[in-house]
């Protein structure tokens, strides 16, 4: 098919590569404009732009798709279909209607659960047993369109958002190729009204750990916010990111270190901290971390 690809972050790159490898004609790649990054605040292209340019593809990064000029330029591509994944701009009706077979979105949840911006984070933070990928026909509502294909996967008990992100990215790439291969035979399935939840964008204010929470909630927050923005606590005035954990047995005052292996008491139960990061340093597994910062039994975190 003649495809317009629309995506921006790392999550989208395997999908672009899969479309290229499958032999689809990629008429253009749309992504967010380069943004200032690093100490020098130099403009840095998005991961999708960087990969598209390596592949020799036409790249466009308009600030908006609402202007007549942008819409005419899009329509002139004569696409059979647009494939959209984590693009970052709302698509107005003129864009949605331009491809002959419409716009297909790759969404990282089992719709209608977790519509919106942060479905991977929210699934882990809520303690969901499974999540997945949906290929959805796009309409003007927020992730409300009918679903063409879906594939579920369990969420591991120690899995972080970063790990699940990478698995779902590959799943999305595989599923969109399946969908395009049988697009004319697929029956769109309207989303049910029951079970709708919204995955609000992650607020950094959610990232501070309260050891008065139950162990399950502490563990889910740590894993759900890893690697970004990273759950955190203060230790002797220093902010420490908590990047991996597991639930453990134990009791004590909330925030109390229970042993030499970073088992920490919560309001109910305990968690074992597996991976941490000090400010200005790289992430470390617990044994290595403890060689640089002593947290003896009985000390308190945050």
C-alpha atoms as a PDB file:
ATOM      1  CA  UNK A   1       0.000   0.000   0.000  1.00  0.00           C
ATOM      2  CA  UNK A   2       0.915   3.644  -0.317  1.00  0.00           C
ATOM      3  CA  UNK A   3       1.257   4.717   3.322  1.00  0.00           C
ATOM      4  CA  UNK A   4       1.729   7.943   5.225  1.00  0.00           C
ATOM      5  CA  UNK A   5       3.430   7.211   8.538  1.00  0.00           C
ATOM      6  CA  UNK A   6       2.812   9.498  11.521  1.00  0.00           C
ATOM      7  CA  UNK A   7       4.821   9.005  14.722  1.00  0.00           C
ATOM      8  CA  UNK A   8       7.496  10.655  16.823  1.00  0.00           C
ATOM      9  CA  UNK A   9       9.180   8.812  19.767  1.00  0.00           C
ATOM     10  CA  UNK A  10      11.188   5.605  20.136  1.00  0.00           C
ATOM     11  CA  UNK A  11       7.971   3.597  20.473  1.00  0.00           C
ATOM     12  CA  UNK A  12       7.105   4.426  16.853  1.00  0.00           C
ATOM     13  CA  UNK A  13      10.428   3.500  15.239  1.00  0.00           C
ATOM     14  CA  UNK A  14       9.907  -0.312  15.025  1.00  0.00           C
ATOM     15  CA  UNK A  15       6.579   0.329  13.278  1.00  0.00           C
ATOM     16  CA  UNK A  16       8.206   2.541  10.644  1.00  0.00           C
ATOM     17  CA  UNK A  17      10.895  -0.079  10.102  1.00  0.00           C
ATOM     18  CA  UNK A  18       8.316  -2.871   9.813  1.00  0.00           C
ATOM     19  CA  UNK A  19       6.383  -0.956   7.147  1.00  0.00           C
ATOM     20  CA  UNK A  20       9.587  -0.425   5.195  1.00  0.00           C
ATOM     21  CA  UNK A  21      10.647  -4.067   5.541  1.00  0.00           C
ATOM     22  CA  UNK A  22       7.194  -5.298   4.442  1.00  0.00           C
ATOM     23  CA  UNK A  23       7.543  -3.450   1.149  1.00  0.00           C
ATOM     24  CA  UNK A  24       4.883  -0.788   1.630  1.00  0.00           C
ATOM     25  CA  UNK A  25       5.445   2.469  -0.223  1.00  0.00           C
ATOM     26  CA  UNK A  26       5.958   5.161   2.412  1.00  0.00           C
ATOM     27  CA  UNK A  27       4.856   8.372   0.746  1.00  0.00           C
ATOM     28  CA  UNK A  28       5.909  10.581   3.667  1.00  0.00           C
ATOM     29  CA  UNK A  29       6.761  10.475   7.343  1.00  0.00           C
ATOM     30  CA  UNK A  30       5.128  12.996   9.678  1.00  0.00           C
ATOM     31  CA  UNK A  31       6.617  13.640  13.134  1.00  0.00           C
ATOM     32  CA  UNK A  32       6.991  16.386  15.717  1.00  0.00           C
ATOM     33  CA  UNK A  33       9.497  19.158  14.896  1.00  0.00           C
ATOM     34  CA  UNK A  34      13.034  18.961  16.320  1.00  0.00           C
ATOM     35  CA  UNK A  35      13.182  20.185  19.927  1.00  0.00           C
ATOM     36  CA  UNK A  36      15.983  21.832  21.954  1.00  0.00           C
ATOM     37  CA  UNK A  37      17.891  19.188  23.922  1.00  0.00           C
ATOM     38  CA  UNK A  38      21.077  18.784  25.932  1.00  0.00           C
ATOM     39  CA  UNK A  39      23.158  21.424  27.666  1.00  0.00           C
ATOM     40  CA  UNK A  40      23.571  23.442  24.497  1.00  0.00           C
ATOM     41  CA  UNK A  41      19.836  23.337  23.749  1.00  0.00           C
ATOM     42  CA  UNK A  42      20.572  22.445  20.138  1.00  0.00           C
ATOM     43  CA  UNK A  43      17.648  21.275  18.048  1.00  0.00           C
ATOM     44  CA  UNK A  44      17.465  17.490  18.101  1.00  0.00           C
ATOM     45  CA  UNK A  45      15.323  15.518  15.628  1.00  0.00           C
ATOM     46  CA  UNK A  46      12.894  12.970  17.022  1.00  0.00           C
ATOM     47  CA  UNK A  47      13.778   9.253  16.876  1.00  0.00           C
ATOM     48  CA  UNK A  48      11.324   8.798  14.000  1.00  0.00           C
ATOM     49  CA  UNK A  49      12.786  11.671  11.996  1.00  0.00           C
ATOM     50  CA  UNK A  50      16.301  10.332  12.504  1.00  0.00           C
ATOM     51  CA  UNK A  51      15.337   6.837  11.317  1.00  0.00           C
ATOM     52  CA  UNK A  52      13.247   8.129   8.395  1.00  0.00           C
ATOM     53  CA  UNK A  53      16.157  10.212   7.129  1.00  0.00           C
ATOM     54  CA  UNK A  54      18.453   7.174   7.392  1.00  0.00           C
ATOM     55  CA  UNK A  55      15.947   5.322   5.198  1.00  0.00           C
ATOM     56  CA  UNK A  56      15.867   8.189   2.683  1.00  0.00           C
ATOM     57  CA  UNK A  57      12.193   8.951   3.258  1.00  0.00           C
ATOM     58  CA  UNK A  58      10.406  12.280   2.866  1.00  0.00           C
ATOM     59  CA  UNK A  59       9.992  13.845   6.333  1.00  0.00           C
ATOM     60  CA  UNK A  60       7.543  16.557   7.315  1.00  0.00           C
ATOM     61  CA  UNK A  61       7.114  18.061  10.769  1.00  0.00           C
ATOM     62  CA  UNK A  62       4.423  20.752  10.669  1.00  0.00           C
ATOM     63  CA  UNK A  63       3.579  22.590  13.884  1.00  0.00           C
ATOM     64  CA  UNK A  64      -0.116  22.086  13.082  1.00  0.00           C
ATOM     65  CA  UNK A  65      -2.329  20.142  10.686  1.00  0.00           C
ATOM     66  CA  UNK A  66      -5.212  22.588  10.972  1.00  0.00           C
ATOM     67  CA  UNK A  67      -4.136  24.957   8.194  1.00  0.00           C
ATOM     68  CA  UNK A  68      -5.524  24.563   4.653  1.00  0.00           C
ATOM     69  CA  UNK A  69      -1.959  24.417   3.335  1.00  0.00           C
ATOM     70  CA  UNK A  70      -0.983  21.510   5.582  1.00  0.00           C
ATOM     71  CA  UNK A  71      -4.182  19.639   4.757  1.00  0.00           C
ATOM     72  CA  UNK A  72      -3.793  20.146   1.006  1.00  0.00           C
ATOM     73  CA  UNK A  73      -0.179  18.988   1.200  1.00  0.00           C
ATOM     74  CA  UNK A  74      -1.256  15.858   3.071  1.00  0.00           C
ATOM     75  CA  UNK A  75      -4.097  15.065   0.662  1.00  0.00           C
ATOM     76  CA  UNK A  76      -1.783  15.504  -2.350  1.00  0.00           C
ATOM     77  CA  UNK A  77       0.227  12.474  -1.179  1.00  0.00           C
ATOM     78  CA  UNK A  78      -2.596  10.241  -2.451  1.00  0.00           C
ATOM     79  CA  UNK A  79      -2.174   7.704   0.350  1.00  0.00           C
ATOM     80  CA  UNK A  80      -4.151   4.485   0.632  1.00  0.00           C
ATOM     81  CA  UNK A  81      -3.859   4.629   4.416  1.00  0.00           C
ATOM     82  CA  UNK A  82      -2.166   6.552   7.218  1.00  0.00           C
ATOM     83  CA  UNK A  83      -0.545   4.620  10.066  1.00  0.00           C
ATOM     84  CA  UNK A  84      -0.424   6.648  13.280  1.00  0.00           C
ATOM     85  CA  UNK A  85       1.434   5.740  16.470  1.00  0.00           C
ATOM     86  CA  UNK A  86       2.340   8.193  19.252  1.00  0.00           C
ATOM     87  CA  UNK A  87       2.391  11.094  16.797  1.00  0.00           C
ATOM     88  CA  UNK A  88       1.586  13.917  19.215  1.00  0.00           C
ATOM     89  CA  UNK A  89      -0.833  16.069  17.197  1.00  0.00           C
ATOM     90  CA  UNK A  90      -4.594  15.803  16.927  1.00  0.00           C
ATOM     91  CA  UNK A  91      -5.751  14.929  13.419  1.00  0.00           C
ATOM     92  CA  UNK A  92      -8.553  17.149  12.118  1.00  0.00           C
ATOM     93  CA  UNK A  93     -11.358  15.710  10.023  1.00  0.00           C
ATOM     94  CA  UNK A  94      -9.724  16.755   6.738  1.00  0.00           C
ATOM     95  CA  UNK A  95      -6.650  14.672   7.584  1.00  0.00           C
ATOM     96  CA  UNK A  96      -8.667  11.686   8.822  1.00  0.00           C
ATOM     97  CA  UNK A  97     -10.663  11.635   5.582  1.00  0.00           C
ATOM     98  CA  UNK A  98      -7.781  12.125   3.142  1.00  0.00           C
ATOM     99  CA  UNK A  99      -6.390   8.550   2.800  1.00  0.00           C
ATOM    100  CA  UNK A 100      -8.611   6.229   0.761  1.00  0.00           C
ATOM    101  CA  UNK A 101      -8.836   3.698   3.603  1.00  0.00           C
ATOM    102  CA  UNK A 102      -8.625   6.165   6.468  1.00  0.00           C
ATOM    103  CA  UNK A 103      -6.166   6.490   9.346  1.00  0.00           C
ATOM    104  CA  UNK A 104      -5.199   3.541  11.553  1.00  0.00           C
ATOM    105  CA  UNK A 105      -3.872   4.089  15.063  1.00  0.00           C
ATOM    106  CA  UNK A 106      -1.683   1.664  16.999  1.00  0.00           C
ATOM    107  CA  UNK A 107      -2.706   2.035  20.643  1.00  0.00           C
ATOM    108  CA  UNK A 108      -0.884   0.380  23.539  1.00  0.00           C
ATOM    109  CA  UNK A 109      -3.817  -0.882  25.577  1.00  0.00           C
ATOM    110  CA  UNK A 110      -6.835  -3.141  25.325  1.00  0.00           C
ATOM    111  CA  UNK A 111      -9.421  -0.533  24.422  1.00  0.00           C
ATOM    112  CA  UNK A 112     -11.670   0.849  25.791  1.00  0.00           C
ATOM    113  CA  UNK A 113      -9.429   0.544  28.868  1.00  0.00           C
ATOM    114  CA  UNK A 114      -6.751   3.233  29.052  1.00  0.00           C
ATOM    115  CA  UNK A 115      -7.620   5.620  26.292  1.00  0.00           C
ATOM    116  CA  UNK A 116      -5.299   8.597  26.240  1.00  0.00           C
ATOM    117  CA  UNK A 117      -1.703   9.635  26.755  1.00  0.00           C
ATOM    118  CA  UNK A 118      -0.087   7.167  29.175  1.00  0.00           C
ATOM    119  CA  UNK A 119      -1.671   3.714  28.784  1.00  0.00           C
ATOM    120  CA  UNK A 120       1.485   1.714  29.579  1.00  0.00           C
ATOM    121  CA  UNK A 121       2.255   3.587  32.789  1.00  0.00           C
ATOM    122  CA  UNK A 122      -1.354   3.444  33.948  1.00  0.00           C
ATOM    123  CA  UNK A 123      -1.782  -0.266  33.305  1.00  0.00           C
ATOM    124  CA  UNK A 124       1.171  -1.109  35.558  1.00  0.00           C
ATOM    125  CA  UNK A 125       0.267   1.464  38.205  1.00  0.00           C
ATOM    126  CA  UNK A 126      -3.284   0.101  38.395  1.00  0.00           C
ATOM    127  CA  UNK A 127      -2.067  -3.464  38.824  1.00  0.00           C
ATOM    128  CA  UNK A 128      -3.590  -4.766  35.581  1.00  0.00           C
ATOM    129  CA  UNK A 129      -2.807  -8.422  34.888  1.00  0.00           C
ATOM    130  CA  UNK A 130      -2.639  -7.873  31.132  1.00  0.00           C
ATOM    131  CA  UNK A 131      -2.517  -5.209  28.474  1.00  0.00           C
ATOM    132  CA  UNK A 132      -1.956  -5.305  24.721  1.00  0.00           C
ATOM    133  CA  UNK A 133      -2.163  -3.594  21.357  1.00  0.00           C
ATOM    134  CA  UNK A 134      -5.203  -2.436  19.425  1.00  0.00           C
ATOM    135  CA  UNK A 135      -5.295  -1.399  15.776  1.00  0.00           C
ATOM    136  CA  UNK A 136      -8.058   1.197  15.673  1.00  0.00           C
ATOM    137  CA  UNK A 137      -9.780   3.141  12.925  1.00  0.00           C
ATOM    138  CA  UNK A 138      -9.323   6.748  13.915  1.00  0.00           C
ATOM    139  CA  UNK A 139     -12.122   9.237  14.411  1.00  0.00           C
ATOM    140  CA  UNK A 140     -12.216  12.666  16.008  1.00  0.00           C
ATOM    141  CA  UNK A 141     -12.787  11.405  19.584  1.00  0.00           C
ATOM    142  CA  UNK A 142      -9.910  10.478  21.897  1.00  0.00           C
ATOM    143  CA  UNK A 143      -9.147   6.827  21.060  1.00  0.00           C
ATOM    144  CA  UNK A 144     -12.845   6.121  20.529  1.00  0.00           C
ATOM    145  CA  UNK A 145     -12.732   4.521  17.085  1.00  0.00           C
ATOM    146  CA  UNK A 146     -13.678   0.929  16.247  1.00  0.00           C
ATOM    147  CA  UNK A 147     -11.033  -1.734  16.712  1.00  0.00           C
ATOM    148  CA  UNK A 148      -9.839  -3.840  13.767  1.00  0.00           C
ATOM    149  CA  UNK A 149      -7.369  -6.138  15.554  1.00  0.00           C
ATOM    150  CA  UNK A 150      -6.269  -6.641  19.143  1.00  0.00           C
ATOM    151  CA  UNK A 151      -3.615  -8.741  20.806  1.00  0.00           C
ATOM    152  CA  UNK A 152      -3.219  -9.223  24.573  1.00  0.00           C
ATOM    153  CA  UNK A 153      -0.103  -9.906  26.635  1.00  0.00           C
ATOM    154  CA  UNK A 154       0.377 -10.515  30.385  1.00  0.00           C
ATOM    155  CA  UNK A 155       2.191  -7.933  32.499  1.00  0.00           C
ATOM    156  CA  UNK A 156       5.041  -9.542  34.442  1.00  0.00           C
ATOM    157  CA  UNK A 157       5.134  -9.137  38.239  1.00  0.00           C
ATOM    158  CA  UNK A 158       8.480  -7.290  38.047  1.00  0.00           C
ATOM    159  CA  UNK A 159       7.996  -5.625  34.662  1.00  0.00           C
ATOM    160  CA  UNK A 160       8.626  -1.887  34.374  1.00  0.00           C
ATOM    161  CA  UNK A 161       7.045   0.583  31.997  1.00  0.00           C
ATOM    162  CA  UNK A 162      10.309   0.694  30.039  1.00  0.00           C
ATOM    163  CA  UNK A 163      10.353  -3.066  29.549  1.00  0.00           C
ATOM    164  CA  UNK A 164       6.663  -3.259  28.657  1.00  0.00           C
ATOM    165  CA  UNK A 165       7.039  -0.259  26.319  1.00  0.00           C
ATOM    166  CA  UNK A 166       9.651  -2.127  24.285  1.00  0.00           C
ATOM    167  CA  UNK A 167       7.580  -5.328  24.090  1.00  0.00           C
ATOM    168  CA  UNK A 168       4.443  -3.495  23.023  1.00  0.00           C
ATOM    169  CA  UNK A 169       6.334  -1.507  20.399  1.00  0.00           C
ATOM    170  CA  UNK A 170       7.384  -4.733  18.696  1.00  0.00           C
ATOM    171  CA  UNK A 171       3.864  -6.162  19.053  1.00  0.00           C
ATOM    172  CA  UNK A 172       2.413  -3.049  17.453  1.00  0.00           C
ATOM    173  CA  UNK A 173       4.766  -3.336  14.506  1.00  0.00           C
ATOM    174  CA  UNK A 174       3.774  -6.964  13.960  1.00  0.00           C
ATOM    175  CA  UNK A 175       0.055  -6.321  14.330  1.00  0.00           C
ATOM    176  CA  UNK A 176      -0.124  -3.373  11.924  1.00  0.00           C
ATOM    177  CA  UNK A 177       1.538  -5.478   9.219  1.00  0.00           C
ATOM    178  CA  UNK A 178      -1.094  -8.166   9.849  1.00  0.00           C
ATOM    179  CA  UNK A 179      -3.852  -5.563   9.680  1.00  0.00           C
ATOM    180  CA  UNK A 180      -2.673  -4.032   6.412  1.00  0.00           C
ATOM    181  CA  UNK A 181      -2.368  -7.488   4.870  1.00  0.00           C
ATOM    182  CA  UNK A 182      -6.046  -8.229   5.469  1.00  0.00           C
ATOM    183  CA  UNK A 183      -7.502  -4.742   5.734  1.00  0.00           C
ATOM    184  CA  UNK A 184     -10.382  -5.277   3.314  1.00  0.00           C
ATOM    185  CA  UNK A 185     -11.509  -8.417   5.192  1.00  0.00           C
ATOM    186  CA  UNK A 186     -11.437  -6.983   8.726  1.00  0.00           C
ATOM    187  CA  UNK A 187     -14.687  -6.007  10.452  1.00  0.00           C
ATOM    188  CA  UNK A 188     -14.415  -2.899  12.644  1.00  0.00           C
ATOM    189  CA  UNK A 189     -15.628  -3.650  16.183  1.00  0.00           C
ATOM    190  CA  UNK A 190     -17.174  -0.642  17.969  1.00  0.00           C
ATOM    191  CA  UNK A 191     -15.780  -0.111  21.437  1.00  0.00           C
ATOM    192  CA  UNK A 192     -18.244  -0.911  24.238  1.00  0.00           C
ATOM    193  CA  UNK A 193     -19.342   1.886  26.520  1.00  0.00           C
ATOM    194  CA  UNK A 194     -18.665  -0.249  29.589  1.00  0.00           C
ATOM    195  CA  UNK A 195     -15.092  -0.388  30.844  1.00  0.00           C
ATOM    196  CA  UNK A 196     -13.876   2.972  29.534  1.00  0.00           C
ATOM    197  CA  UNK A 197     -10.907   4.387  31.482  1.00  0.00           C
ATOM    198  CA  UNK A 198      -8.580   7.257  30.676  1.00  0.00           C
ATOM    199  CA  UNK A 199      -4.798   7.196  30.965  1.00  0.00           C
ATOM    200  CA  UNK A 200      -4.025  10.730  32.028  1.00  0.00           C
ATOM    201  CA  UNK A 201      -0.589  12.130  31.277  1.00  0.00           C
ATOM    202  CA  UNK A 202       1.868  11.389  34.081  1.00  0.00           C
ATOM    203  CA  UNK A 203       2.294  14.302  36.491  1.00  0.00           C
ATOM    204  CA  UNK A 204       5.693  14.546  38.180  1.00  0.00           C
ATOM    205  CA  UNK A 205       3.863  15.182  41.447  1.00  0.00           C
ATOM    206  CA  UNK A 206       2.800  11.511  41.354  1.00  0.00           C
ATOM    207  CA  UNK A 207       6.390  10.326  41.520  1.00  0.00           C
ATOM    208  CA  UNK A 208       7.220  10.863  45.207  1.00  0.00           C
ATOM    209  CA  UNK A 209       6.829   7.628  47.147  1.00  0.00           C
ATOM    210  CA  UNK A 210       4.739   7.638  50.326  1.00  0.00           C
ATOM    211  CA  UNK A 211       5.869   4.699  52.448  1.00  0.00           C
ATOM    212  CA  UNK A 212       2.502   4.751  54.193  1.00  0.00           C
ATOM    213  CA  UNK A 213       1.003   3.185  51.072  1.00  0.00           C
ATOM    214  CA  UNK A 214       0.464  -0.565  50.870  1.00  0.00           C
ATOM    215  CA  UNK A 215       3.415  -2.493  49.434  1.00  0.00           C
ATOM    216  CA  UNK A 216       1.479  -3.345  46.273  1.00  0.00           C
ATOM    217  CA  UNK A 217       0.866   0.342  45.566  1.00  0.00           C
ATOM    218  CA  UNK A 218       4.488   1.310  46.242  1.00  0.00           C
ATOM    219  CA  UNK A 219       5.754  -1.478  43.991  1.00  0.00           C
ATOM    220  CA  UNK A 220       3.359  -0.610  41.156  1.00  0.00           C
ATOM    221  CA  UNK A 221       4.273   3.069  41.341  1.00  0.00           C
ATOM    222  CA  UNK A 222       7.998   2.326  41.191  1.00  0.00           C
ATOM    223  CA  UNK A 223       7.644  -0.019  38.226  1.00  0.00           C
ATOM    224  CA  UNK A 224       5.014   2.109  36.481  1.00  0.00           C
ATOM    225  CA  UNK A 225       7.140   5.260  36.569  1.00  0.00           C
ATOM    226  CA  UNK A 226      10.385   3.559  35.503  1.00  0.00           C
ATOM    227  CA  UNK A 227      12.417   4.818  33.747  1.00  0.00           C
ATOM    228  CA  UNK A 228      10.602   8.152  33.351  1.00  0.00           C
ATOM    229  CA  UNK A 229       9.914  10.253  35.295  1.00  0.00           C
ATOM    230  CA  UNK A 230      11.145   7.821  37.967  1.00  0.00           C
ATOM    231  CA  UNK A 231       9.611   7.386  41.410  1.00  0.00           C
ATOM    232  CA  UNK A 232      11.772   8.957  44.106  1.00  0.00           C
ATOM    233  CA  UNK A 233      12.473   9.423  47.802  1.00  0.00           C
ATOM    234  CA  UNK A 234      14.807  11.675  49.743  1.00  0.00           C
ATOM    235  CA  UNK A 235      17.726  10.240  51.703  1.00  0.00           C
ATOM    236  CA  UNK A 236      19.700  12.744  53.802  1.00  0.00           C
ATOM    237  CA  UNK A 237      18.494  15.550  51.560  1.00  0.00           C
ATOM    238  CA  UNK A 238      19.454  13.719  48.345  1.00  0.00           C
ATOM    239  CA  UNK A 239      16.822  12.667  45.840  1.00  0.00           C
ATOM    240  CA  UNK A 240      17.094   8.983  44.933  1.00  0.00           C
ATOM    241  CA  UNK A 241      15.210   7.482  41.999  1.00  0.00           C
ATOM    242  CA  UNK A 242      13.698   4.042  42.476  1.00  0.00           C
ATOM    243  CA  UNK A 243      13.645   2.166  39.163  1.00  0.00           C
ATOM    244  CA  UNK A 244      12.833  -1.470  39.958  1.00  0.00           C
ATOM    245  CA  UNK A 245      11.280  -3.340  42.879  1.00  0.00           C
ATOM    246  CA  UNK A 246       9.330  -6.362  43.991  1.00  0.00           C
ATOM    247  CA  UNK A 247       6.917  -7.033  46.836  1.00  0.00           C
ATOM    248  CA  UNK A 248       8.403  -8.754  49.886  1.00  0.00           C
ATOM    249  CA  UNK A 249       7.430 -10.024  53.320  1.00  0.00           C
ATOM    250  CA  UNK A 250       8.089  -7.861  56.352  1.00  0.00           C
ATOM    251  CA  UNK A 251       6.755  -5.175  58.622  1.00  0.00           C
ATOM    252  CA  UNK A 252       8.077  -2.113  60.382  1.00  0.00           C
ATOM    253  CA  UNK A 253       7.690   1.644  60.469  1.00  0.00           C
ATOM    254  CA  UNK A 254       6.886   2.988  56.992  1.00  0.00           C
ATOM    255  CA  UNK A 255      10.164   3.693  55.179  1.00  0.00           C
ATOM    256  CA  UNK A 256      12.282   1.616  57.563  1.00  0.00           C
ATOM    257  CA  UNK A 257      15.093  -0.415  56.002  1.00  0.00           C
ATOM    258  CA  UNK A 258      14.530  -3.973  57.245  1.00  0.00           C
ATOM    259  CA  UNK A 259      17.732  -5.703  56.143  1.00  0.00           C
ATOM    260  CA  UNK A 260      20.983  -5.298  54.243  1.00  0.00           C
ATOM    261  CA  UNK A 261      19.248  -6.093  50.935  1.00  0.00           C
ATOM    262  CA  UNK A 262      17.135  -2.918  50.765  1.00  0.00           C
ATOM    263  CA  UNK A 263      13.882  -4.459  51.938  1.00  0.00           C
ATOM    264  CA  UNK A 264      11.789  -1.478  53.043  1.00  0.00           C
ATOM    265  CA  UNK A 265       8.635  -1.466  55.182  1.00  0.00           C
ATOM    266  CA  UNK A 266       5.443   0.052  53.823  1.00  0.00           C
ATOM    267  CA  UNK A 267       2.124   0.891  55.468  1.00  0.00           C
ATOM    268  CA  UNK A 268       1.244  -2.746  54.826  1.00  0.00           C
ATOM    269  CA  UNK A 269       3.921  -5.269  53.825  1.00  0.00           C
ATOM    270  CA  UNK A 270       7.284  -4.392  52.323  1.00  0.00           C
ATOM    271  CA  UNK A 271       9.093  -3.964  49.021  1.00  0.00           C
ATOM    272  CA  UNK A 272      12.618  -4.872  47.996  1.00  0.00           C
ATOM    273  CA  UNK A 273      14.363  -2.170  45.974  1.00  0.00           C
ATOM    274  CA  UNK A 274      16.237  -3.701  43.056  1.00  0.00           C
ATOM    275  CA  UNK A 275      17.561  -0.774  41.022  1.00  0.00           C
ATOM    276  CA  UNK A 276      18.223   2.822  42.081  1.00  0.00           C
ATOM    277  CA  UNK A 277      19.824   6.011  40.810  1.00  0.00           C
ATOM    278  CA  UNK A 278      21.521   8.877  42.620  1.00  0.00           C
ATOM    279  CA  UNK A 279      21.343  12.398  41.190  1.00  0.00           C
ATOM    280  CA  UNK A 280      23.874  12.929  38.423  1.00  0.00           C
ATOM    281  CA  UNK A 281      24.846   9.245  38.278  1.00  0.00           C
ATOM    282  CA  UNK A 282      23.852   6.184  36.311  1.00  0.00           C
ATOM    283  CA  UNK A 283      21.271   3.634  37.432  1.00  0.00           C
ATOM    284  CA  UNK A 284      22.667   0.818  39.611  1.00  0.00           C
ATOM    285  CA  UNK A 285      21.459  -2.531  40.887  1.00  0.00           C
ATOM    286  CA  UNK A 286      20.984  -2.577  44.661  1.00  0.00           C
ATOM    287  CA  UNK A 287      24.293  -4.271  45.663  1.00  0.00           C
ATOM    288  CA  UNK A 288      26.334  -1.800  43.623  1.00  0.00           C
ATOM    289  CA  UNK A 289      24.241   1.132  44.874  1.00  0.00           C
ATOM    290  CA  UNK A 290      24.866   0.161  48.499  1.00  0.00           C
ATOM    291  CA  UNK A 291      28.621   0.263  47.979  1.00  0.00           C
ATOM    292  CA  UNK A 292      28.324   3.991  47.393  1.00  0.00           C
ATOM    293  CA  UNK A 293      25.587   4.909  49.866  1.00  0.00           C
ATOM    294  CA  UNK A 294      25.199   3.052  53.141  1.00  0.00           C
ATOM    295  CA  UNK A 295      21.616   2.394  54.235  1.00  0.00           C
ATOM    296  CA  UNK A 296      21.909   0.183  57.322  1.00  0.00           C
ATOM    297  CA  UNK A 297      19.096  -1.803  58.866  1.00  0.00           C
ATOM    298  CA  UNK A 298      16.857   0.506  60.884  1.00  0.00           C
ATOM    299  CA  UNK A 299      17.531   3.623  58.810  1.00  0.00           C
ATOM    300  CA  UNK A 300      14.598   5.453  57.246  1.00  0.00           C
ATOM    301  CA  UNK A 301      13.971   6.442  53.650  1.00  0.00           C
ATOM    302  CA  UNK A 302      12.155   9.646  52.825  1.00  0.00           C
END
